[in-house]
Amino acid sequence: MESFGSIECFVRSAEGGSFAEAARHLSLTPAAVGKSVAKLEARLGVRLFQRSTRRLTLTEAGKVFLQEVSGSLTTIQNAVANLASAEGRPVGTLKVSMGTVFGNRYVVPLLGEFMRRFPDISPDWHFDNRQVDLIGQGFDAAIGGGFELPQGVVARKLAPAHRVLVASPHYLAQRPPVLVPEDLSRCKGILIRSPQTGRIRSWQLTSGEREQRPLVLKPGMTMSDSEAACCASAQGLGIALVSMPMAVPFLDSGAVVRVLPDWYVDDGNISLYYAEHKLLPGKTRAFVDFIIEQFAEQGLGQIFSAV
């Protein structure tokens, strides 16, 4: 068991790039992780890391060893987790990442039913609009859109990630009608800044007939959050391009209406991400199956579709 623990310390240190990052993941001290890795190196008779004051770097032997043991380590951990259950029920801490507003609006309301079905799972849910390192940061799953799909991670589609143009009825009533995409260039835009890059993205509008046109709005203000852009738009401050999950309550209340309702931006899919394993932990499998079931039962795929 000591060797197993040392191997886990090595793998987590390699993934996180430091003993401190591994220690946070394993609930140990950095000193304990470093000592465990040093013992492993002594037993193997090779140096696995080149150490510096800032970061650990794998040696050639370390790269080979990591490739050989990381998959087996995960399989063993998952097997242990699946056996360590109460009367065969999934157990353990379930670490999931999701967008702040999206999670609170569409996922947290499902928590009560999830806990009723799986009372031995302890949710550890993180709300962040940035993409996380699913494997390196020890997440069991993540929900979001536009994620880069790293090696070893799979995505299950939950709904389309469509964006639509919205404005308040008052704003539109004060201006010439917007009938074609080219009319947008004279309208004040509430632009979205990417939380990841800080840049304002350029978008292509798509029609129901799959025709494409560039989206050009006169810059009025910038936001980094779709719900904030909806709130600004509802105040008559301009036209905003926002994600459908954020727009739905504003559209339902009449605070905003769609501009050019035959046009939208196709931004891929809202997906459920998790690590690809031959033996998926019971807690992760339970969560994946539950979320897919609930999204289908509530028809969120249709609700989030702009067409």
Protein backbone atom coordinates (compact mmCIF):
# COMPACT_ATOMS: atom_id res chain seq x y z
CA MET A 1 0.00 0.00 0.00
CA GLU A 2 2.94 2.31 0.61
CA SER A 3 4.03 1.85 -3.02
CA PHE A 4 0.49 2.54 -4.23
CA GLY A 5 0.39 5.77 -2.23
CA SER A 6 3.79 6.82 -3.54
CA ILE A 7 2.71 6.19 -7.13
CA GLU A 8 -0.40 8.30 -6.57
CA CYS A 9 1.76 11.10 -5.16
CA PHE A 10 4.00 10.87 -8.22
CA VAL A 11 1.10 10.95 -10.71
CA ARG A 12 -0.64 13.90 -9.03
CA SER A 13 2.66 15.81 -8.81
CA ALA A 14 3.28 15.22 -12.51
CA GLU A 15 -0.26 16.36 -13.42
CA GLY A 16 -0.13 19.46 -11.22
CA GLY A 17 3.50 20.37 -11.82
CA SER A 18 4.31 20.71 -8.12
CA PHE A 19 4.20 18.88 -4.81
CA ALA A 20 1.96 21.67 -3.46
CA GLU A 21 -0.68 21.08 -6.14
CA ALA A 22 -0.56 17.32 -5.53
CA ALA A 23 -0.85 17.93 -1.78
CA ARG A 24 -4.04 19.97 -2.28
CA HIS A 25 -5.54 17.18 -4.35
CA LEU A 26 -4.55 14.43 -1.88
CA SER A 27 -5.20 16.38 1.35
CA LEU A 28 -1.56 15.99 2.41
CA THR A 29 1.28 18.41 3.08
CA PRO A 30 3.74 19.25 0.28
CA ALA A 31 6.53 17.85 2.45
CA ALA A 32 4.73 14.51 2.79
CA VAL A 33 4.19 14.30 -0.96
CA GLY A 34 7.83 15.14 -1.68
CA LYS A 35 9.05 12.54 0.81
CA SER A 36 6.76 9.89 -0.71
CA VAL A 37 8.03 10.62 -4.24
CA ALA A 38 11.64 10.53 -3.01
CA LYS A 39 11.04 7.08 -1.49
CA LEU A 40 9.57 5.89 -4.79
CA GLU A 41 12.63 7.18 -6.67
CA ALA A 42 14.89 5.39 -4.21
CA ARG A 43 13.04 2.11 -4.67
CA LEU A 44 13.08 2.42 -8.46
CA GLY A 45 16.68 3.59 -8.56
CA VAL A 46 15.92 6.43 -10.99
CA ARG A 47 15.14 10.15 -10.73
CA LEU A 48 11.58 10.87 -11.86
CA PHE A 49 11.63 14.68 -11.55
CA GLN A 50 14.04 17.51 -12.15
CA ARG A 51 13.29 19.84 -9.24
CA SER A 52 13.48 23.64 -9.32
CA THR A 53 12.21 26.35 -7.00
CA ARG A 54 9.25 27.02 -9.32
CA ARG A 55 8.19 23.76 -10.93
CA LEU A 56 8.76 20.05 -11.26
CA THR A 57 9.83 18.74 -14.66
CA LEU A 58 9.61 15.07 -15.57
CA THR A 59 12.82 13.33 -16.53
CA GLU A 60 12.77 10.97 -19.51
CA ALA A 61 12.43 8.06 -17.09
CA GLY A 62 9.62 9.95 -15.33
CA LYS A 63 7.73 10.45 -18.61
CA VAL A 64 7.93 6.75 -19.41
CA PHE A 65 6.86 5.75 -15.89
CA LEU A 66 3.93 8.21 -15.91
CA GLN A 67 2.66 6.84 -19.20
CA GLU A 68 2.82 3.30 -17.88
CA VAL A 69 1.19 3.79 -14.49
CA SER A 70 -1.33 6.64 -14.75
CA GLY A 71 -4.06 4.65 -16.51
CA SER A 72 -3.66 1.66 -14.19
CA LEU A 73 -3.75 3.92 -11.13
CA THR A 74 -7.07 5.42 -12.22
CA THR A 75 -8.56 2.00 -12.92
CA ILE A 76 -7.57 0.75 -9.47
CA GLN A 77 -8.93 3.88 -7.77
CA ASN A 78 -12.23 3.57 -9.60
CA ALA A 79 -12.50 -0.11 -8.72
CA VAL A 80 -11.92 0.69 -5.04
CA ALA A 81 -14.48 3.51 -5.18
CA ASN A 82 -17.07 1.26 -6.76
CA LEU A 83 -16.55 -1.42 -4.11
CA ALA A 84 -16.61 1.06 -1.23
CA SER A 85 -20.36 1.55 -1.40
CA ALA A 86 -23.20 1.24 1.04
CA GLU A 87 -25.32 -1.73 -0.03
CA GLY A 88 -24.12 -1.35 -3.59
CA ARG A 89 -25.08 2.33 -3.88
CA PRO A 90 -22.69 4.95 -5.34
CA VAL A 91 -20.72 6.78 -2.65
CA GLY A 92 -18.05 9.43 -2.36
CA THR A 93 -17.40 13.10 -2.96
CA LEU A 94 -18.58 14.26 -6.39
CA LYS A 95 -16.48 17.20 -7.61
CA VAL A 96 -18.22 19.01 -10.49
CA SER A 97 -17.53 22.32 -12.26
CA MET A 98 -20.22 24.42 -13.94
CA GLY A 99 -20.92 28.02 -14.94
CA THR A 100 -22.16 30.21 -12.08
CA VAL A 101 -25.51 31.41 -13.44
CA PHE A 102 -26.17 28.32 -15.57
CA GLY A 103 -25.45 26.02 -12.63
CA ASN A 104 -27.61 27.95 -10.19
CA ARG A 105 -30.49 28.25 -12.64
CA TYR A 106 -30.59 24.79 -14.24
CA VAL A 107 -28.49 22.31 -12.24
CA VAL A 108 -28.84 23.24 -8.56
CA PRO A 109 -32.67 22.82 -8.74
CA LEU A 110 -32.00 19.15 -9.57
CA LEU A 111 -29.91 18.63 -6.45
CA GLY A 112 -32.78 17.58 -4.18
CA GLU A 113 -33.88 14.76 -6.48
CA PHE A 114 -30.27 13.69 -7.03
CA MET A 115 -29.64 13.45 -3.28
CA ARG A 116 -32.90 11.55 -2.77
CA ARG A 117 -31.72 8.91 -5.24
CA PHE A 118 -28.07 8.87 -4.17
CA PRO A 119 -27.89 9.84 -0.49
CA ASP A 120 -24.34 8.49 -0.05
CA ILE A 121 -22.84 10.90 -2.62
CA SER A 122 -21.49 14.18 -1.23
CA PRO A 123 -21.64 16.99 -3.84
CA ASP A 124 -18.61 19.28 -4.09
CA TRP A 125 -19.77 21.67 -6.80
CA HIS A 126 -17.63 24.53 -8.09
CA PHE A 127 -19.19 27.49 -9.92
CA ASP A 128 -16.84 29.16 -12.40
CA ASN A 129 -17.28 30.48 -15.93
CA ARG A 130 -13.78 29.42 -16.95
CA GLN A 131 -12.78 26.04 -18.29
CA VAL A 132 -11.14 23.80 -15.70
CA ASP A 133 -8.47 21.15 -16.10
CA LEU A 134 -10.81 18.22 -15.49
CA ILE A 135 -8.12 15.61 -14.84
CA GLY A 136 -5.34 17.78 -13.43
CA GLN A 137 -7.64 19.50 -10.90
CA GLY A 138 -9.36 16.29 -9.90
CA PHE A 139 -12.88 17.02 -11.15
CA ASP A 140 -15.25 14.13 -11.71
CA ALA A 141 -17.29 16.05 -14.28
CA ALA A 142 -17.96 19.49 -15.73
CA ILE A 143 -20.90 21.09 -17.52
CA GLY A 144 -20.34 23.84 -20.05
CA GLY A 145 -19.96 24.86 -23.65
CA GLY A 146 -17.04 25.54 -25.95
CA PHE A 147 -14.56 23.45 -23.96
CA GLU A 148 -11.42 22.24 -25.66
CA LEU A 149 -11.53 18.45 -25.46
CA PRO A 150 -8.18 17.24 -24.07
CA GLN A 151 -6.99 13.68 -24.42
CA GLY A 152 -8.74 11.32 -22.04
CA VAL A 153 -11.90 13.43 -21.69
CA VAL A 154 -15.24 12.67 -23.34
CA ALA A 155 -18.23 14.96 -23.94
CA ARG A 156 -21.93 14.04 -23.89
CA LYS A 157 -24.18 16.58 -25.59
CA LEU A 158 -26.93 18.02 -23.39
CA ALA A 159 -28.29 20.86 -25.55
CA PRO A 160 -27.27 23.18 -28.39
CA ALA A 161 -25.22 26.24 -27.42
CA HIS A 162 -27.09 28.88 -29.40
CA ARG A 163 -26.82 32.63 -28.94
CA VAL A 164 -29.54 35.10 -29.92
CA LEU A 165 -29.88 38.85 -30.35
CA VAL A 166 -32.16 40.53 -27.80
CA ALA A 167 -33.34 44.05 -27.01
CA SER A 168 -36.09 45.69 -25.00
CA PRO A 169 -39.32 46.51 -26.84
CA HIS A 170 -38.81 50.15 -25.85
CA TYR A 171 -35.36 50.30 -27.46
CA LEU A 172 -36.64 48.85 -30.72
CA ALA A 173 -39.69 51.12 -30.79
CA GLN A 174 -37.46 54.21 -30.79
CA ARG A 175 -35.44 53.19 -33.86
CA PRO A 176 -35.89 52.15 -37.48
CA PRO A 177 -36.83 48.48 -37.75
CA VAL A 178 -34.06 45.88 -37.88
CA LEU A 179 -35.07 43.63 -40.77
CA VAL A 180 -31.77 42.20 -42.05
CA PRO A 181 -28.35 41.63 -40.41
CA GLU A 182 -26.90 44.70 -42.15
CA ASP A 183 -29.32 46.91 -40.17
CA LEU A 184 -27.48 45.99 -36.96
CA SER A 185 -24.49 48.19 -37.83
CA ARG A 186 -26.43 51.33 -36.84
CA CYS A 187 -27.57 49.84 -33.49
CA LYS A 188 -25.79 50.22 -30.17
CA GLY A 189 -24.32 46.89 -29.13
CA ILE A 190 -23.85 45.35 -25.70
CA LEU A 191 -20.82 43.25 -26.49
CA ILE A 192 -19.59 40.16 -24.64
CA ARG A 193 -15.96 39.95 -23.59
CA SER A 194 -14.52 36.46 -23.23
CA PRO A 195 -13.71 35.67 -19.57
CA GLN A 196 -10.87 33.42 -20.79
CA THR A 197 -9.08 35.80 -23.17
CA GLY A 198 -10.51 39.21 -22.29
CA ARG A 199 -11.18 39.80 -25.99
CA ILE A 200 -14.43 40.65 -27.74
CA ARG A 201 -15.19 37.77 -30.06
CA SER A 202 -16.42 38.19 -33.61
CA TRP A 203 -19.46 36.13 -34.52
CA GLN A 204 -21.17 34.78 -37.61
CA LEU A 205 -24.96 34.87 -37.73
CA THR A 206 -26.69 31.81 -39.17
CA SER A 207 -30.20 31.79 -40.59
CA GLY A 208 -32.72 28.97 -40.44
CA GLU A 209 -31.70 28.20 -44.03
CA ARG A 210 -28.03 27.99 -42.89
CA GLU A 211 -27.09 31.24 -44.65
CA GLN A 212 -24.30 33.09 -42.83
CA ARG A 213 -23.65 36.81 -42.34
CA PRO A 214 -21.14 38.67 -40.14
CA LEU A 215 -22.52 40.20 -36.96
CA VAL A 216 -21.63 43.91 -36.80
CA LEU A 217 -22.91 46.09 -33.94
CA LYS A 218 -21.85 49.60 -32.99
CA PRO A 219 -19.84 49.19 -29.74
CA GLY A 220 -21.78 50.67 -26.84
CA MET A 221 -20.57 48.73 -23.81
CA THR A 222 -18.94 45.42 -22.98
CA MET A 223 -19.85 42.73 -20.47
CA SER A 224 -18.20 39.44 -19.52
CA ASP A 225 -21.46 37.74 -18.57
CA SER A 226 -24.58 36.96 -20.62
CA GLU A 227 -27.00 37.56 -17.74
CA ALA A 228 -25.51 41.01 -17.13
CA ALA A 229 -25.87 41.74 -20.85
CA CYS A 230 -29.53 40.66 -20.68
CA CYS A 231 -30.11 43.00 -17.72
CA ALA A 232 -28.51 45.90 -19.61
CA SER A 233 -30.53 45.12 -22.70
CA ALA A 234 -33.77 44.96 -20.67
CA GLN A 235 -33.03 48.55 -19.58
CA GLY A 236 -33.12 49.70 -23.20
CA LEU A 237 -29.35 50.23 -23.45
CA GLY A 238 -28.82 48.36 -26.71
CA ILE A 239 -28.88 45.03 -28.51
CA ALA A 240 -27.08 42.11 -26.89
CA LEU A 241 -25.97 38.75 -28.22
CA VAL A 242 -26.55 36.31 -25.36
CA SER A 243 -26.68 32.57 -24.77
CA MET A 244 -30.15 31.02 -24.86
CA PRO A 245 -30.00 29.63 -21.29
CA MET A 246 -29.48 33.18 -20.03
CA ALA A 247 -32.02 34.73 -22.40
CA VAL A 248 -34.93 32.34 -21.70
CA PRO A 249 -36.24 33.96 -18.46
CA PHE A 250 -35.95 37.47 -19.94
CA LEU A 251 -37.76 36.39 -23.09
CA ASP A 252 -40.45 34.58 -21.09
CA SER A 253 -41.10 37.68 -18.96
CA GLY A 254 -41.22 40.01 -21.98
CA ALA A 255 -38.36 42.14 -20.63
CA VAL A 256 -36.60 41.57 -23.96
CA VAL A 257 -37.60 40.23 -27.36
CA ARG A 258 -35.53 38.57 -30.03
CA VAL A 259 -34.06 40.78 -32.73
CA LEU A 260 -33.89 39.11 -36.14
CA PRO A 261 -35.61 35.98 -34.76
CA ASP A 262 -34.71 33.98 -37.87
CA TRP A 263 -31.00 34.46 -37.14
CA TYR A 264 -28.80 33.08 -34.36
CA VAL A 265 -25.20 32.16 -33.56
CA ASP A 266 -24.30 28.47 -33.44
CA ASP A 267 -21.67 28.11 -30.69
CA GLY A 268 -21.55 24.31 -30.59
CA ASN A 269 -23.06 22.38 -27.72
CA ILE A 270 -23.61 22.52 -24.00
CA SER A 271 -22.02 19.26 -22.89
CA LEU A 272 -21.28 17.11 -19.90
CA TYR A 273 -17.55 16.36 -19.68
CA TYR A 274 -15.89 13.56 -17.73
CA ALA A 275 -12.73 11.48 -17.86
CA GLU A 276 -12.81 8.48 -20.16
CA HIS A 277 -12.25 5.31 -18.14
CA LYS A 278 -12.94 1.66 -18.75
CA LEU A 279 -14.31 1.52 -15.21
CA LEU A 280 -16.11 4.79 -14.46
CA PRO A 281 -16.63 5.46 -10.72
CA GLY A 282 -20.18 4.72 -9.61
CA LYS A 283 -20.70 8.29 -8.33
CA THR A 284 -19.68 9.74 -11.72
CA ARG A 285 -21.80 7.29 -13.69
CA ALA A 286 -24.78 8.10 -11.48
CA PHE A 287 -24.34 11.84 -12.05
CA VAL A 288 -23.84 11.52 -15.81
CA ASP A 289 -26.92 9.34 -16.27
CA PHE A 290 -29.02 11.55 -13.98
CA ILE A 291 -28.16 14.84 -15.73
CA ILE A 292 -28.76 13.39 -19.20
CA GLU A 293 -32.11 12.01 -18.01
CA GLN A 294 -33.21 15.29 -16.43
CA PHE A 295 -32.25 17.46 -19.40
CA ALA A 296 -34.24 15.13 -21.66
CA GLU A 297 -37.29 15.02 -19.36
CA GLN A 298 -37.39 18.82 -19.02
CA GLY A 299 -36.88 19.36 -22.74
CA LEU A 300 -33.98 21.75 -22.17
CA GLY A 301 -32.48 20.82 -25.52
CA GLN A 302 -35.55 22.24 -27.24
CA ILE A 303 -35.82 25.22 -24.90
CA PHE A 304 -32.18 26.21 -25.55
CA SER A 305 -32.52 25.84 -29.30
CA ALA A 306 -32.87 29.10 -31.24
CA VAL A 307 -34.53 27.41 -34.23
